[in-house]
Amino acid sequence: YATADGRRVRWRRVFRSDALRFTDDDVAVL
């Protein structure tokens, strides 16, 4: 996402989610 000063929010640093109901496959990704 663009910031007010023209930069961008860094990728793969901040996430949002609903409830953290992870599957076994999700564990590997995380």
PDB file of all heavy atoms in Angstrom:
ATOM      1  N   TYR A   1       0.841  -1.205   0.000  1.00  0.00           N
ATOM      2  CA  TYR A   1       0.000   0.000   0.000  1.00  0.00           C
ATOM      3  C   TYR A   1       0.872   1.249   0.000  1.00  0.00           C
ATOM      4  O   TYR A   1       1.923   1.295   0.642  1.00  0.00           O
ATOM      5  CB  TYR A   1      -0.938   0.020   1.215  1.00  0.00           C
ATOM      6  CG  TYR A   1      -2.037  -1.007   1.134  1.00  0.00           C
ATOM      7  CD1 TYR A   1      -2.032  -2.125   1.946  1.00  0.00           C
ATOM      8  CD2 TYR A   1      -3.083  -0.852   0.228  1.00  0.00           C
ATOM      9  CE1 TYR A   1      -3.038  -3.073   1.872  1.00  0.00           C
ATOM     10  CE2 TYR A   1      -4.090  -1.796   0.138  1.00  0.00           C
ATOM     11  CZ  TYR A   1      -4.064  -2.894   0.958  1.00  0.00           C
ATOM     12  OH  TYR A   1      -5.060  -3.832   0.868  1.00  0.00           O
ATOM     13  N   ALA A   2       0.410   2.264  -0.740  1.00  0.00           N
ATOM     14  CA  ALA A   2       1.140   3.538  -0.816  1.00  0.00           C
ATOM     15  C   ALA A   2       0.989   4.300   0.490  1.00  0.00           C
ATOM     16  O   ALA A   2      -0.074   4.307   1.104  1.00  0.00           O
ATOM     17  CB  ALA A   2       0.615   4.374  -1.975  1.00  0.00           C
ATOM     18  N   THR A   3       2.065   4.960   0.915  1.00  0.00           N
ATOM     19  CA  THR A   3       2.029   5.810   2.103  1.00  0.00           C
ATOM     20  C   THR A   3       1.844   7.262   1.670  1.00  0.00           C
ATOM     21  O   THR A   3       1.954   7.586   0.487  1.00  0.00           O
ATOM     22  CB  THR A   3       3.323   5.675   2.916  1.00  0.00           C
ATOM     23  OG1 THR A   3       4.416   6.136   2.125  1.00  0.00           O
ATOM     24  CG2 THR A   3       3.563   4.222   3.330  1.00  0.00           C
ATOM     25  N   ALA A   4       1.585   8.130   2.620  1.00  0.00           N
ATOM     26  CA  ALA A   4       1.345   9.549   2.322  1.00  0.00           C
ATOM     27  C   ALA A   4       2.556  10.209   1.665  1.00  0.00           C
ATOM     28  O   ALA A   4       2.403  11.147   0.884  1.00  0.00           O
ATOM     29  CB  ALA A   4       0.961  10.303   3.595  1.00  0.00           C
ATOM     30  N   ASP A   5       3.754   9.723   1.968  1.00  0.00           N
ATOM     31  CA  ASP A   5       4.961  10.343   1.400  1.00  0.00           C
ATOM     32  C   ASP A   5       5.458   9.645   0.129  1.00  0.00           C
ATOM     33  O   ASP A   5       6.580   9.872  -0.315  1.00  0.00           O
ATOM     34  CB  ASP A   5       6.070  10.411   2.443  1.00  0.00           C
ATOM     35  CG  ASP A   5       6.538   9.038   2.903  1.00  0.00           C
ATOM     36  OD1 ASP A   5       6.030   8.007   2.403  1.00  0.00           O
ATOM     37  OD2 ASP A   5       7.421   8.984   3.775  1.00  0.00           O
ATOM     38  N   GLY A   6       4.626   8.788  -0.458  1.00  0.00           N
ATOM     39  CA  GLY A   6       4.974   8.167  -1.735  1.00  0.00           C
ATOM     40  C   GLY A   6       5.717   6.852  -1.638  1.00  0.00           C
ATOM     41  O   GLY A   6       5.992   6.228  -2.657  1.00  0.00           O
ATOM     42  N   ARG A   7       6.053   6.425  -0.437  1.00  0.00           N
ATOM     43  CA  ARG A   7       6.708   5.120  -0.290  1.00  0.00           C
ATOM     44  C   ARG A   7       5.652   4.027  -0.262  1.00  0.00           C
ATOM     45  O   ARG A   7       4.474   4.288  -0.435  1.00  0.00           O
ATOM     46  CB  ARG A   7       7.565   5.104   0.979  1.00  0.00           C
ATOM     47  CG  ARG A   7       8.725   6.092   0.880  1.00  0.00           C
ATOM     48  CD  ARG A   7       9.643   6.016   2.071  1.00  0.00           C
ATOM     49  NE  ARG A   7       8.956   6.459   3.284  1.00  0.00           N
ATOM     50  CZ  ARG A   7       9.431   6.279   4.505  1.00  0.00           C
ATOM     51  NH1 ARG A   7      10.570   5.660   4.705  1.00  0.00           N
ATOM     52  NH2 ARG A   7       8.760   6.722   5.553  1.00  0.00           N
ATOM     53  N   ARG A   8       6.060   2.791  -0.052  1.00  0.00           N
ATOM     54  CA  ARG A   8       5.145   1.651   0.007  1.00  0.00           C
ATOM     55  C   ARG A   8       5.389   0.857   1.295  1.00  0.00           C
ATOM     56  O   ARG A   8       6.527   0.729   1.749  1.00  0.00           O
ATOM     57  CB  ARG A   8       5.358   0.709  -1.174  1.00  0.00           C
ATOM     58  CG  ARG A   8       5.072   1.364  -2.504  1.00  0.00           C
ATOM     59  CD  ARG A   8       3.815   0.806  -3.067  1.00  0.00           C
ATOM     60  NE  ARG A   8       3.437   1.572  -4.257  1.00  0.00           N
ATOM     61  CZ  ARG A   8       2.197   1.789  -4.589  1.00  0.00           C
ATOM     62  NH1 ARG A   8       1.230   1.300  -3.856  1.00  0.00           N
ATOM     63  NH2 ARG A   8       1.905   2.473  -5.661  1.00  0.00           N
ATOM     64  N   VAL A   9       4.313   0.314   1.840  1.00  0.00           N
ATOM     65  CA  VAL A   9       4.424  -0.569   2.997  1.00  0.00           C
ATOM     66  C   VAL A   9       5.176  -1.818   2.552  1.00  0.00           C
ATOM     67  O   VAL A   9       4.926  -2.357   1.468  1.00  0.00           O
ATOM     68  CB  VAL A   9       3.016  -0.942   3.529  1.00  0.00           C
ATOM     69  CG1 VAL A   9       3.112  -1.954   4.659  1.00  0.00           C
ATOM     70  CG2 VAL A   9       2.263   0.310   3.964  1.00  0.00           C
ATOM     71  N   ARG A  10       6.117  -2.276   3.380  1.00  0.00           N
ATOM     72  CA  ARG A  10       6.924  -3.444   3.035  1.00  0.00           C
ATOM     73  C   ARG A  10       6.079  -4.714   3.016  1.00  0.00           C
ATOM     74  O   ARG A  10       5.194  -4.904   3.833  1.00  0.00           O
ATOM     75  CB  ARG A  10       8.062  -3.601   4.035  1.00  0.00           C
ATOM     76  CG  ARG A  10       9.102  -2.491   3.871  1.00  0.00           C
ATOM     77  CD  ARG A  10      10.153  -2.523   4.936  1.00  0.00           C
ATOM     78  NE  ARG A  10      10.861  -3.793   4.947  1.00  0.00           N
ATOM     79  CZ  ARG A  10      11.739  -4.124   5.884  1.00  0.00           C
ATOM     80  NH1 ARG A  10      12.005  -3.302   6.873  1.00  0.00           N
ATOM     81  NH2 ARG A  10      12.339  -5.282   5.835  1.00  0.00           N
ATOM     82  N   TRP A  11       6.379  -5.577   2.056  1.00  0.00           N
ATOM     83  CA  TRP A  11       5.693  -6.859   1.921  1.00  0.00           C
ATOM     84  C   TRP A  11       6.198  -7.844   2.961  1.00  0.00           C
ATOM     85  O   TRP A  11       7.346  -7.786   3.406  1.00  0.00           O
ATOM     86  CB  TRP A  11       5.938  -7.453   0.531  1.00  0.00           C
ATOM     87  CG  TRP A  11       5.210  -6.733  -0.561  1.00  0.00           C
ATOM     88  CD1 TRP A  11       5.715  -5.756  -1.376  1.00  0.00           C
ATOM     89  CD2 TRP A  11       3.851  -6.909  -0.951  1.00  0.00           C
ATOM     90  NE1 TRP A  11       4.755  -5.327  -2.243  1.00  0.00           N
ATOM     91  CE2 TRP A  11       3.586  -6.017  -2.014  1.00  0.00           C
ATOM     92  CE3 TRP A  11       2.819  -7.732  -0.504  1.00  0.00           C
ATOM     93  CZ2 TRP A  11       2.358  -5.937  -2.636  1.00  0.00           C
ATOM     94  CZ3 TRP A  11       1.587  -7.650  -1.130  1.00  0.00           C
ATOM     95  CH2 TRP A  11       1.365  -6.764  -2.180  1.00  0.00           C
ATOM     96  N   ARG A  12       5.334  -8.780   3.323  1.00  0.00           N
ATOM     97  CA  ARG A  12       5.646  -9.921   4.183  1.00  0.00           C
ATOM     98  C   ARG A  12       6.151  -9.513   5.563  1.00  0.00           C
ATOM     99  O   ARG A  12       6.941 -10.215   6.182  1.00  0.00           O
ATOM    100  CB  ARG A  12       6.644 -10.873   3.513  1.00  0.00           C
ATOM    101  CG  ARG A  12       6.143 -11.474   2.195  1.00  0.00           C
ATOM    102  CD  ARG A  12       4.888 -12.282   2.425  1.00  0.00           C
ATOM    103  NE  ARG A  12       4.505 -13.083   1.279  1.00  0.00           N
ATOM    104  CZ  ARG A  12       3.358 -12.946   0.621  1.00  0.00           C
ATOM    105  NH1 ARG A  12       2.492 -12.008   0.978  1.00  0.00           N
ATOM    106  NH2 ARG A  12       3.064 -13.736  -0.378  1.00  0.00           N
ATOM    107  N   ARG A  13       5.645  -8.356   6.064  1.00  0.00           N
ATOM    108  CA  ARG A  13       6.007  -7.879   7.407  1.00  0.00           C
ATOM    109  C   ARG A  13       4.798  -7.794   8.325  1.00  0.00           C
ATOM    110  O   ARG A  13       4.898  -8.108   9.504  1.00  0.00           O
ATOM    111  CB  ARG A  13       6.652  -6.491   7.316  1.00  0.00           C
ATOM    112  CG  ARG A  13       7.862  -6.409   6.431  1.00  0.00           C
ATOM    113  CD  ARG A  13       9.085  -6.889   7.089  1.00  0.00           C
ATOM    114  NE  ARG A  13       9.449  -5.939   8.126  1.00  0.00           N
ATOM    115  CZ  ARG A  13      10.260  -6.214   9.119  1.00  0.00           C
ATOM    116  NH1 ARG A  13      10.799  -7.381   9.218  1.00  0.00           N
ATOM    117  NH2 ARG A  13      10.546  -5.319  10.020  1.00  0.00           N
ATOM    118  N   VAL A  14       3.650  -7.358   7.792  1.00  0.00           N
ATOM    119  CA  VAL A  14       2.435  -7.190   8.595  1.00  0.00           C
ATOM    120  C   VAL A  14       1.271  -7.838   7.846  1.00  0.00           C
ATOM    121  O   VAL A  14       1.062  -7.577   6.657  1.00  0.00           O
ATOM    122  CB  VAL A  14       2.132  -5.697   8.864  1.00  0.00           C
ATOM    123  CG1 VAL A  14       0.857  -5.545   9.681  1.00  0.00           C
ATOM    124  CG2 VAL A  14       3.303  -5.019   9.566  1.00  0.00           C
ATOM    125  N   PHE A  15       0.542  -8.665   8.590  1.00  0.00           N
ATOM    126  CA  PHE A  15      -0.607  -9.370   8.047  1.00  0.00           C
ATOM    127  C   PHE A  15      -1.819  -9.081   8.930  1.00  0.00           C
ATOM    128  O   PHE A  15      -1.672  -8.724  10.091  1.00  0.00           O
ATOM    129  CB  PHE A  15      -0.367 -10.881   8.034  1.00  0.00           C
ATOM    130  CG  PHE A  15       0.795 -11.303   7.199  1.00  0.00           C
ATOM    131  CD1 PHE A  15       2.085 -11.309   7.714  1.00  0.00           C
ATOM    132  CD2 PHE A  15       0.611 -11.698   5.882  1.00  0.00           C
ATOM    133  CE1 PHE A  15       3.160 -11.697   6.938  1.00  0.00           C
ATOM    134  CE2 PHE A  15       1.683 -12.094   5.091  1.00  0.00           C
ATOM    135  CZ  PHE A  15       2.960 -12.089   5.623  1.00  0.00           C
ATOM    136  N   ARG A  16      -3.005  -9.261   8.375  1.00  0.00           N
ATOM    137  CA  ARG A  16      -4.235  -9.210   9.160  1.00  0.00           C
ATOM    138  C   ARG A  16      -4.977 -10.507   8.888  1.00  0.00           C
ATOM    139  O   ARG A  16      -4.771 -11.144   7.863  1.00  0.00           O
ATOM    140  CB  ARG A  16      -5.067  -7.974   8.849  1.00  0.00           C
ATOM    141  CG  ARG A  16      -5.612  -7.875   7.452  1.00  0.00           C
ATOM    142  CD  ARG A  16      -6.971  -8.495   7.209  1.00  0.00           C
ATOM    143  NE  ARG A  16      -7.976  -8.043   8.137  1.00  0.00           N
ATOM    144  CZ  ARG A  16      -8.910  -8.828   8.685  1.00  0.00           C
ATOM    145  NH1 ARG A  16      -8.977 -10.112   8.372  1.00  0.00           N
ATOM    146  NH2 ARG A  16      -9.809  -8.375   9.507  1.00  0.00           N
ATOM    147  N   SER A  17      -5.819 -10.893   9.820  1.00  0.00           N
ATOM    148  CA  SER A  17      -6.515 -12.169   9.667  1.00  0.00           C
ATOM    149  C   SER A  17      -7.792 -12.188  10.484  1.00  0.00           C
ATOM    150  O   SER A  17      -7.998 -11.363  11.370  1.00  0.00           O
ATOM    151  CB  SER A  17      -5.603 -13.311  10.139  1.00  0.00           C
ATOM    152  OG  SER A  17      -6.192 -14.571   9.884  1.00  0.00           O
ATOM    153  N   ASP A  18      -8.629 -13.168  10.169  1.00  0.00           N
ATOM    154  CA  ASP A  18      -9.705 -13.517  11.075  1.00  0.00           C
ATOM    155  C   ASP A  18      -9.095 -14.530  12.057  1.00  0.00           C
ATOM    156  O   ASP A  18      -7.873 -14.558  12.217  1.00  0.00           O
ATOM    157  CB  ASP A  18     -10.905 -14.063  10.296  1.00  0.00           C
ATOM    158  CG  ASP A  18     -10.583 -15.270   9.443  1.00  0.00           C
ATOM    159  OD1 ASP A  18      -9.385 -15.578   9.255  1.00  0.00           O
ATOM    160  OD2 ASP A  18     -11.505 -15.924   8.948  1.00  0.00           O
ATOM    161  N   ALA A  19      -9.882 -15.352  12.698  1.00  0.00           N
ATOM    162  CA  ALA A  19      -9.362 -16.297  13.695  1.00  0.00           C
ATOM    163  C   ALA A  19      -8.244 -17.152  13.110  1.00  0.00           C
ATOM    164  O   ALA A  19      -8.305 -17.570  11.948  1.00  0.00           O
ATOM    165  CB  ALA A  19     -10.498 -17.177  14.215  1.00  0.00           C
ATOM    166  N   LEU A  20      -7.236 -17.410  13.910  1.00  0.00           N
ATOM    167  CA  LEU A  20      -6.064 -18.160  13.449  1.00  0.00           C
ATOM    168  C   LEU A  20      -6.301 -19.662  13.585  1.00  0.00           C
ATOM    169  O   LEU A  20      -5.773 -20.331  14.452  1.00  0.00           O
ATOM    170  CB  LEU A  20      -4.824 -17.726  14.241  1.00  0.00           C
ATOM    171  CG  LEU A  20      -4.483 -16.248  14.157  1.00  0.00           C
ATOM    172  CD1 LEU A  20      -3.214 -15.951  14.942  1.00  0.00           C
ATOM    173  CD2 LEU A  20      -4.342 -15.788  12.707  1.00  0.00           C
ATOM    174  N   ARG A  21      -7.107 -20.182  12.668  1.00  0.00           N
ATOM    175  CA  ARG A  21      -7.427 -21.610  12.603  1.00  0.00           C
ATOM    176  C   ARG A  21      -6.558 -22.214  11.507  1.00  0.00           C
ATOM    177  O   ARG A  21      -6.949 -22.234  10.352  1.00  0.00           O
ATOM    178  CB  ARG A  21      -8.901 -21.807  12.280  1.00  0.00           C
ATOM    179  CG  ARG A  21      -9.853 -21.253  13.301  1.00  0.00           C
ATOM    180  CD  ARG A  21     -11.291 -21.483  12.886  1.00  0.00           C
ATOM    181  NE  ARG A  21     -11.613 -20.819  11.633  1.00  0.00           N
ATOM    182  CZ  ARG A  21     -12.286 -19.677  11.525  1.00  0.00           C
ATOM    183  NH1 ARG A  21     -12.718 -19.070  12.601  1.00  0.00           N
ATOM    184  NH2 ARG A  21     -12.537 -19.142  10.357  1.00  0.00           N
ATOM    185  N   PHE A  22      -5.381 -22.684  11.866  1.00  0.00           N
ATOM    186  CA  PHE A  22      -4.425 -23.169  10.877  1.00  0.00           C
ATOM    187  C   PHE A  22      -4.568 -24.662  10.630  1.00  0.00           C
ATOM    188  O   PHE A  22      -4.778 -25.441  11.552  1.00  0.00           O
ATOM    189  CB  PHE A  22      -2.996 -22.878  11.323  1.00  0.00           C
ATOM    190  CG  PHE A  22      -2.702 -21.426  11.543  1.00  0.00           C
ATOM    191  CD1 PHE A  22      -2.016 -20.998  12.655  1.00  0.00           C
ATOM    192  CD2 PHE A  22      -3.109 -20.473  10.619  1.00  0.00           C
ATOM    193  CE1 PHE A  22      -1.729 -19.654  12.851  1.00  0.00           C
ATOM    194  CE2 PHE A  22      -2.829 -19.128  10.800  1.00  0.00           C
ATOM    195  CZ  PHE A  22      -2.137 -18.719  11.928  1.00  0.00           C
ATOM    196  N   THR A  23      -4.377 -25.042   9.377  1.00  0.00           N
ATOM    197  CA  THR A  23      -4.296 -26.453   9.013  1.00  0.00           C
ATOM    198  C   THR A  23      -2.830 -26.881   9.111  1.00  0.00           C
ATOM    199  O   THR A  23      -1.930 -26.044   9.272  1.00  0.00           O
ATOM    200  CB  THR A  23      -4.786 -26.675   7.575  1.00  0.00           C
ATOM    201  OG1 THR A  23      -3.882 -26.019   6.678  1.00  0.00           O
ATOM    202  CG2 THR A  23      -6.207 -26.144   7.378  1.00  0.00           C
ATOM    203  N   ASP A  24      -2.591 -28.174   8.971  1.00  0.00           N
ATOM    204  CA  ASP A  24      -1.209 -28.655   8.981  1.00  0.00           C
ATOM    205  C   ASP A  24      -0.402 -27.999   7.857  1.00  0.00           C
ATOM    206  O   ASP A  24       0.759 -27.628   8.057  1.00  0.00           O
ATOM    207  CB  ASP A  24      -1.169 -30.175   8.839  1.00  0.00           C
ATOM    208  CG  ASP A  24      -1.710 -30.888  10.074  1.00  0.00           C
ATOM    209  OD1 ASP A  24      -1.660 -30.301  11.181  1.00  0.00           O
ATOM    210  OD2 ASP A  24      -2.179 -32.035   9.936  1.00  0.00           O
ATOM    211  N   ASP A  25      -1.001 -27.850   6.672  1.00  0.00           N
ATOM    212  CA  ASP A  25      -0.302 -27.211   5.550  1.00  0.00           C
ATOM    213  C   ASP A  25       0.008 -25.747   5.846  1.00  0.00           C
ATOM    214  O   ASP A  25       1.040 -25.229   5.433  1.00  0.00           O
ATOM    215  CB  ASP A  25      -1.128 -27.318   4.267  1.00  0.00           C
ATOM    216  CG  ASP A  25      -1.226 -28.746   3.750  1.00  0.00           C
ATOM    217  OD1 ASP A  25      -0.356 -29.582   4.108  1.00  0.00           O
ATOM    218  OD2 ASP A  25      -2.165 -29.033   2.997  1.00  0.00           O
ATOM    219  N   ASP A  26      -0.902 -25.066   6.556  1.00  0.00           N
ATOM    220  CA  ASP A  26      -0.685 -23.658   6.907  1.00  0.00           C
ATOM    221  C   ASP A  26       0.550 -23.487   7.783  1.00  0.00           C
ATOM    222  O   ASP A  26       1.280 -22.496   7.665  1.00  0.00           O
ATOM    223  CB  ASP A  26      -1.887 -23.075   7.643  1.00  0.00           C
ATOM    224  CG  ASP A  26      -3.138 -22.984   6.796  1.00  0.00           C
ATOM    225  OD1 ASP A  26      -3.043 -23.067   5.556  1.00  0.00           O
ATOM    226  OD2 ASP A  26      -4.228 -22.831   7.390  1.00  0.00           O
ATOM    227  N   VAL A  27       0.791 -24.450   8.670  1.00  0.00           N
ATOM    228  CA  VAL A  27       1.946 -24.371   9.569  1.00  0.00           C
ATOM    229  C   VAL A  27       3.227 -24.240   8.748  1.00  0.00           C
ATOM    230  O   VAL A  27       4.085 -23.405   9.045  1.00  0.00           O
ATOM    231  CB  VAL A  27       1.996 -25.587  10.518  1.00  0.00           C
ATOM    232  CG1 VAL A  27       3.315 -25.646  11.271  1.00  0.00           C
ATOM    233  CG2 VAL A  27       0.821 -25.539  11.495  1.00  0.00           C
ATOM    234  N   ALA A  28       3.362 -25.025   7.693  1.00  0.00           N
ATOM    235  CA  ALA A  28       4.563 -24.977   6.849  1.00  0.00           C
ATOM    236  C   ALA A  28       4.708 -23.617   6.176  1.00  0.00           C
ATOM    237  O   ALA A  28       5.808 -23.060   6.112  1.00  0.00           O
ATOM    238  CB  ALA A  28       4.528 -26.094   5.810  1.00  0.00           C
ATOM    239  N   VAL A  29       3.602 -23.066   5.677  1.00  0.00           N
ATOM    240  CA  VAL A  29       3.641 -21.753   5.017  1.00  0.00           C
ATOM    241  C   VAL A  29       4.062 -20.683   6.017  1.00  0.00           C
ATOM    242  O   VAL A  29       4.909 -19.825   5.718  1.00  0.00           O
ATOM    243  CB  VAL A  29       2.268 -21.400   4.399  1.00  0.00           C
ATOM    244  CG1 VAL A  29       2.241 -19.966   3.900  1.00  0.00           C
ATOM    245  CG2 VAL A  29       1.918 -22.374   3.286  1.00  0.00           C
ATOM    246  N   LEU A  30       3.496 -20.723   7.213  1.00  0.00           N
ATOM    247  CA  LEU A  30       3.805 -19.701   8.217  1.00  0.00           C
ATOM    248  C   LEU A  30       5.230 -19.816   8.730  1.00  0.00           C
ATOM    249  O   LEU A  30       5.870 -18.817   9.024  1.00  0.00           O
ATOM    250  CB  LEU A  30       2.803 -19.785   9.369  1.00  0.00           C
ATOM    251  CG  LEU A  30       1.389 -19.368   8.958  1.00  0.00           C
ATOM    252  CD1 LEU A  30       0.385 -19.798  10.000  1.00  0.00           C
ATOM    253  CD2 LEU A  30       1.315 -17.879   8.695  1.00  0.00           C
TER     254      LEU A  30
END
